Every structure is written in structure tokens, then in C-alpha cells.
Amino acid sequence: MAGAISKNARRGEAQDLLSRWGGKIIMKSVFEKGKMRHYAVCEKSGNQSRRPKDLM
């Protein structure tokens, strides 16, 4: 389970999270509109979400 770890902490590969499609969930960051945005991506299916929990 994801637990109480922030999106920023997950960005550093501290955990291996698995999605419901069986792929590894990785966190990515992008700088857009003057802000840093973090989002989760399933490596297997390519689905994106704001939080890793939404892909589990």
C-alpha cells in the first residue's frame, strides 16, 4: 500500500508500487505554467494519474 508518503518522496524510487494492470508505477515531474507538477504513470499500460493510489 502507498501509506503516508508524499508524491515528492515517491519520486526517488523509494518504493515499488504495482498498478492494477500489473505494471510498475513510477512518478514523473514536469514543469508547466510556472509550477512543478508530479504525476504517476503505469509503465505497462501507460495510464497517468495525479496520485499512485488512483492506479492501484
PDB file of N, CA and C in Angstrom:
ATOM      1  N   MET A   1       0.829  -1.186   0.000  1.00  0.00           N
ATOM      2  CA  MET A   1       0.000   0.000   0.000  1.00  0.00           C
ATOM      3  C   MET A   1       0.874   1.251   0.000  1.00  0.00           C
ATOM      4  N   ALA A   2       0.336   2.339  -0.411  1.00  0.00           N
ATOM      5  CA  ALA A   2       1.097   3.566  -0.571  1.00  0.00           C
ATOM      6  C   ALA A   2       1.515   4.177   0.764  1.00  0.00           C
ATOM      7  N   GLY A   3       0.639   4.147   1.766  1.00  0.00           N
ATOM      8  CA  GLY A   3       0.991   4.694   3.066  1.00  0.00           C
ATOM      9  C   GLY A   3       0.945   6.210   3.073  1.00  0.00           C
ATOM     10  N   ALA A   4       1.635   6.810   4.013  1.00  0.00           N
ATOM     11  CA  ALA A   4       1.611   8.257   4.191  1.00  0.00           C
ATOM     12  C   ALA A   4       2.893   8.885   3.676  1.00  0.00           C
ATOM     13  N   ILE A   5       3.267   8.576   2.446  1.00  0.00           N
ATOM     14  CA  ILE A   5       4.469   9.139   1.849  1.00  0.00           C
ATOM     15  C   ILE A   5       4.045  10.114   0.766  1.00  0.00           C
ATOM     16  N   SER A   6       4.656  11.276   0.745  1.00  0.00           N
ATOM     17  CA  SER A   6       4.264  12.310  -0.204  1.00  0.00           C
ATOM     18  C   SER A   6       4.638  11.942  -1.636  1.00  0.00           C
ATOM     19  N   LYS A   7       4.033  12.647  -2.587  1.00  0.00           N
ATOM     20  CA  LYS A   7       4.352  12.428  -4.005  1.00  0.00           C
ATOM     21  C   LYS A   7       5.825  12.734  -4.272  1.00  0.00           C
ATOM     22  N   ASN A   8       6.366  13.734  -3.598  1.00  0.00           N
ATOM     23  CA  ASN A   8       7.771  14.085  -3.796  1.00  0.00           C
ATOM     24  C   ASN A   8       8.694  12.968  -3.318  1.00  0.00           C
ATOM     25  N   ALA A   9       8.361  12.330  -2.212  1.00  0.00           N
ATOM     26  CA  ALA A   9       9.188  11.255  -1.680  1.00  0.00           C
ATOM     27  C   ALA A   9       9.143  10.038  -2.603  1.00  0.00           C
ATOM     28  N   ARG A  10       8.003   9.774  -3.223  1.00  0.00           N
ATOM     29  CA  ARG A  10       7.885   8.625  -4.112  1.00  0.00           C
ATOM     30  C   ARG A  10       8.676   8.824  -5.392  1.00  0.00           C
ATOM     31  N   ARG A  11       8.991  10.042  -5.716  1.00  0.00           N
ATOM     32  CA  ARG A  11       9.715  10.355  -6.946  1.00  0.00           C
ATOM     33  C   ARG A  11      11.108   9.727  -6.928  1.00  0.00           C
ATOM     34  N   GLY A  12      11.683   9.493  -5.750  1.00  0.00           N
ATOM     35  CA  GLY A  12      13.046   8.997  -5.632  1.00  0.00           C
ATOM     36  C   GLY A  12      13.190   7.489  -5.654  1.00  0.00           C
ATOM     37  N   GLU A  13      12.216   6.753  -6.165  1.00  0.00           N
ATOM     38  CA  GLU A  13      12.287   5.288  -6.278  1.00  0.00           C
ATOM     39  C   GLU A  13      12.468   4.614  -4.926  1.00  0.00           C
ATOM     40  N   ALA A  14      11.856   5.146  -3.887  1.00  0.00           N
ATOM     41  CA  ALA A  14      11.971   4.544  -2.567  1.00  0.00           C
ATOM     42  C   ALA A  14      11.087   3.308  -2.450  1.00  0.00           C
ATOM     43  N   GLN A  15      10.031   3.216  -3.267  1.00  0.00           N
ATOM     44  CA  GLN A  15       9.092   2.107  -3.192  1.00  0.00           C
ATOM     45  C   GLN A  15       8.827   1.538  -4.573  1.00  0.00           C
ATOM     46  N   ASP A  16       8.471   0.250  -4.610  1.00  0.00           N
ATOM     47  CA  ASP A  16       7.987  -0.353  -5.847  1.00  0.00           C
ATOM     48  C   ASP A  16       6.487  -0.528  -5.717  1.00  0.00           C
ATOM     49  N   LEU A  17       5.727   0.272  -6.431  1.00  0.00           N
ATOM     50  CA  LEU A  17       4.274   0.193  -6.391  1.00  0.00           C
ATOM     51  C   LEU A  17       3.784  -0.487  -7.663  1.00  0.00           C
ATOM     52  N   LEU A  18       2.786  -1.355  -7.531  1.00  0.00           N
ATOM     53  CA  LEU A  18       2.245  -2.064  -8.680  1.00  0.00           C
ATOM     54  C   LEU A  18       0.838  -1.573  -8.986  1.00  0.00           C
ATOM     55  N   SER A  19       0.544  -1.391 -10.265  1.00  0.00           N
ATOM     56  CA  SER A  19      -0.777  -0.939 -10.675  1.00  0.00           C
ATOM     57  C   SER A  19      -1.711  -2.125 -10.818  1.00  0.00           C
ATOM     58  N   ARG A  20      -2.991  -1.847 -11.034  1.00  0.00           N
ATOM     59  CA  ARG A  20      -3.973  -2.923 -11.207  1.00  0.00           C
ATOM     60  C   ARG A  20      -3.782  -3.655 -12.523  1.00  0.00           C
ATOM     61  N   TRP A  21      -3.006  -3.098 -13.444  1.00  0.00           N
ATOM     62  CA  TRP A  21      -2.716  -3.748 -14.722  1.00  0.00           C
ATOM     63  C   TRP A  21      -1.437  -4.581 -14.661  1.00  0.00           C
ATOM     64  N   GLY A  22      -0.787  -4.597 -13.510  1.00  0.00           N
ATOM     65  CA  GLY A  22       0.402  -5.423 -13.324  1.00  0.00           C
ATOM     66  C   GLY A  22       1.715  -4.731 -13.626  1.00  0.00           C
ATOM     67  N   GLY A  23       1.681  -3.471 -13.992  1.00  0.00           N
ATOM     68  CA  GLY A  23       2.913  -2.732 -14.277  1.00  0.00           C
ATOM     69  C   GLY A  23       3.402  -1.963 -13.063  1.00  0.00           C
ATOM     70  N   LYS A  24       4.641  -1.553 -13.108  1.00  0.00           N
ATOM     71  CA  LYS A  24       5.238  -0.765 -12.031  1.00  0.00           C
ATOM     72  C   LYS A  24       4.777   0.682 -12.175  1.00  0.00           C
ATOM     73  N   ILE A  25       4.446   1.321 -11.056  1.00  0.00           N
ATOM     74  CA  ILE A  25       4.038   2.726 -11.054  1.00  0.00           C
ATOM     75  C   ILE A  25       5.267   3.575 -10.788  1.00  0.00           C
ATOM     76  N   ILE A  26       5.534   4.518 -11.675  1.00  0.00           N
ATOM     77  CA  ILE A  26       6.645   5.442 -11.479  1.00  0.00           C
ATOM     78  C   ILE A  26       6.106   6.858 -11.404  1.00  0.00           C
ATOM     79  N   MET A  27       6.799   7.688 -10.650  1.00  0.00           N
ATOM     80  CA  MET A  27       6.418   9.092 -10.531  1.00  0.00           C
ATOM     81  C   MET A  27       7.261   9.920 -11.486  1.00  0.00           C
ATOM     82  N   LYS A  28       6.609  10.857 -12.158  1.00  0.00           N
ATOM     83  CA  LYS A  28       7.308  11.763 -13.063  1.00  0.00           C
ATOM     84  C   LYS A  28       6.951  13.190 -12.679  1.00  0.00           C
ATOM     85  N   SER A  29       7.813  14.110 -13.059  1.00  0.00           N
ATOM     86  CA  SER A  29       7.585  15.527 -12.786  1.00  0.00           C
ATOM     87  C   SER A  29       7.756  16.311 -14.077  1.00  0.00           C
ATOM     88  N   VAL A  30       6.959  17.364 -14.210  1.00  0.00           N
ATOM     89  CA  VAL A  30       7.069  18.236 -15.368  1.00  0.00           C
ATOM     90  C   VAL A  30       6.856  19.672 -14.892  1.00  0.00           C
ATOM     91  N   PHE A  31       7.591  20.584 -15.472  1.00  0.00           N
ATOM     92  CA  PHE A  31       7.463  21.999 -15.127  1.00  0.00           C
ATOM     93  C   PHE A  31       6.549  22.641 -16.154  1.00  0.00           C
ATOM     94  N   GLU A  32       5.338  23.025 -15.734  1.00  0.00           N
ATOM     95  CA  GLU A  32       4.396  23.664 -16.657  1.00  0.00           C
ATOM     96  C   GLU A  32       3.657  24.795 -15.954  1.00  0.00           C
ATOM     97  N   LYS A  33       3.408  25.848 -16.684  1.00  0.00           N
ATOM     98  CA  LYS A  33       2.704  27.029 -16.175  1.00  0.00           C
ATOM     99  C   LYS A  33       3.348  27.587 -14.915  1.00  0.00           C
ATOM    100  N   GLY A  34       4.676  27.532 -14.851  1.00  0.00           N
ATOM    101  CA  GLY A  34       5.408  28.107 -13.739  1.00  0.00           C
ATOM    102  C   GLY A  34       5.402  27.267 -12.473  1.00  0.00           C
ATOM    103  N   LYS A  35       4.899  26.036 -12.550  1.00  0.00           N
ATOM    104  CA  LYS A  35       4.845  25.178 -11.363  1.00  0.00           C
ATOM    105  C   LYS A  35       5.366  23.788 -11.702  1.00  0.00           C
ATOM    106  N   MET A  36       5.858  23.112 -10.677  1.00  0.00           N
ATOM    107  CA  MET A  36       6.295  21.739 -10.835  1.00  0.00           C
ATOM    108  C   MET A  36       5.097  20.828 -10.590  1.00  0.00           C
ATOM    109  N   ARG A  37       4.760  20.009 -11.557  1.00  0.00           N
ATOM    110  CA  ARG A  37       3.631  19.078 -11.434  1.00  0.00           C
ATOM    111  C   ARG A  37       4.166  17.654 -11.362  1.00  0.00           C
ATOM    112  N   HIS A  38       3.626  16.865 -10.433  1.00  0.00           N
ATOM    113  CA  HIS A  38       4.012  15.474 -10.277  1.00  0.00           C
ATOM    114  C   HIS A  38       2.839  14.602 -10.683  1.00  0.00           C
ATOM    115  N   TYR A  39       3.112  13.501 -11.347  1.00  0.00           N
ATOM    116  CA  TYR A  39       2.053  12.569 -11.709  1.00  0.00           C
ATOM    117  C   TYR A  39       2.608  11.155 -11.754  1.00  0.00           C
ATOM    118  N   ALA A  40       1.702  10.196 -11.612  1.00  0.00           N
ATOM    119  CA  ALA A  40       2.067   8.782 -11.608  1.00  0.00           C
ATOM    120  C   ALA A  40       1.760   8.185 -12.975  1.00  0.00           C
ATOM    121  N   VAL A  41       2.621   7.257 -13.413  1.00  0.00           N
ATOM    122  CA  VAL A  41       2.449   6.592 -14.702  1.00  0.00           C
ATOM    123  C   VAL A  41       2.654   5.097 -14.514  1.00  0.00           C
ATOM    124  N   CYS A  42       1.758   4.300 -15.104  1.00  0.00           N
ATOM    125  CA  CYS A  42       1.932   2.849 -15.125  1.00  0.00           C
ATOM    126  C   CYS A  42       2.809   2.524 -16.324  1.00  0.00           C
ATOM    127  N   GLU A  43       3.927   1.812 -16.082  1.00  0.00           N
ATOM    128  CA  GLU A  43       4.852   1.503 -17.181  1.00  0.00           C
ATOM    129  C   GLU A  43       4.246   0.541 -18.198  1.00  0.00           C
ATOM    130  N   LYS A  44       3.395  -0.360 -17.750  1.00  0.00           N
ATOM    131  CA  LYS A  44       2.836  -1.379 -18.638  1.00  0.00           C
ATOM    132  C   LYS A  44       1.741  -0.816 -19.545  1.00  0.00           C
ATOM    133  N   SER A  45       0.762  -0.112 -18.952  1.00  0.00           N
ATOM    134  CA  SER A  45      -0.380   0.364 -19.732  1.00  0.00           C
ATOM    135  C   SER A  45      -0.225   1.805 -20.217  1.00  0.00           C
ATOM    136  N   GLY A  46       0.639   2.589 -19.567  1.00  0.00           N
ATOM    137  CA  GLY A  46       0.825   3.981 -19.953  1.00  0.00           C
ATOM    138  C   GLY A  46      -0.204   4.926 -19.352  1.00  0.00           C
ATOM    139  N   ASN A  47      -1.091   4.424 -18.489  1.00  0.00           N
ATOM    140  CA  ASN A  47      -2.098   5.270 -17.854  1.00  0.00           C
ATOM    141  C   ASN A  47      -1.435   6.251 -16.899  1.00  0.00           C
ATOM    142  N   GLN A  48      -2.016   7.470 -16.835  1.00  0.00           N
ATOM    143  CA  GLN A  48      -1.489   8.513 -15.960  1.00  0.00           C
ATOM    144  C   GLN A  48      -2.535   8.908 -14.939  1.00  0.00           C
ATOM    145  N   SER A  49      -2.059   9.334 -13.776  1.00  0.00           N
ATOM    146  CA  SER A  49      -2.929   9.790 -12.715  1.00  0.00           C
ATOM    147  C   SER A  49      -2.171  10.790 -11.857  1.00  0.00           C
ATOM    148  N   ARG A  50      -2.908  11.585 -11.113  1.00  0.00           N
ATOM    149  CA  ARG A  50      -2.266  12.544 -10.230  1.00  0.00           C
ATOM    150  C   ARG A  50      -1.597  11.845  -9.053  1.00  0.00           C
ATOM    151  N   ARG A  51      -2.237  10.783  -8.558  1.00  0.00           N
ATOM    152  CA  ARG A  51      -1.728  10.040  -7.417  1.00  0.00           C
ATOM    153  C   ARG A  51      -1.524   8.569  -7.772  1.00  0.00           C
ATOM    154  N   PRO A  52      -0.520   7.914  -7.217  1.00  0.00           N
ATOM    155  CA  PRO A  52      -0.316   6.489  -7.473  1.00  0.00           C
ATOM    156  C   PRO A  52      -1.488   5.647  -6.991  1.00  0.00           C
ATOM    157  N   LYS A  53      -2.143   6.088  -5.946  1.00  0.00           N
ATOM    158  CA  LYS A  53      -3.276   5.342  -5.380  1.00  0.00           C
ATOM    159  C   LYS A  53      -4.401   5.171  -6.405  1.00  0.00           C
ATOM    160  N   ASP A  54      -4.541   6.117  -7.315  1.00  0.00           N
ATOM    161  CA  ASP A  54      -5.592   6.045  -8.332  1.00  0.00           C
ATOM    162  C   ASP A  54      -5.323   4.958  -9.360  1.00  0.00           C
ATOM    163  N   LEU A  55      -4.080   4.499  -9.465  1.00  0.00           N
ATOM    164  CA  LEU A  55      -3.712   3.458 -10.430  1.00  0.00           C
ATOM    165  C   LEU A  55      -3.709   2.067  -9.794  1.00  0.00           C
ATOM    166  N   MET A  56      -3.868   1.998  -8.485  1.00  0.00           N
ATOM    167  CA  MET A  56      -3.808   0.704  -7.799  1.00  0.00           C
ATOM    168  C   MET A  56      -5.146   0.004  -7.837  1.00  0.00           C
TER     169      MET A  56
END
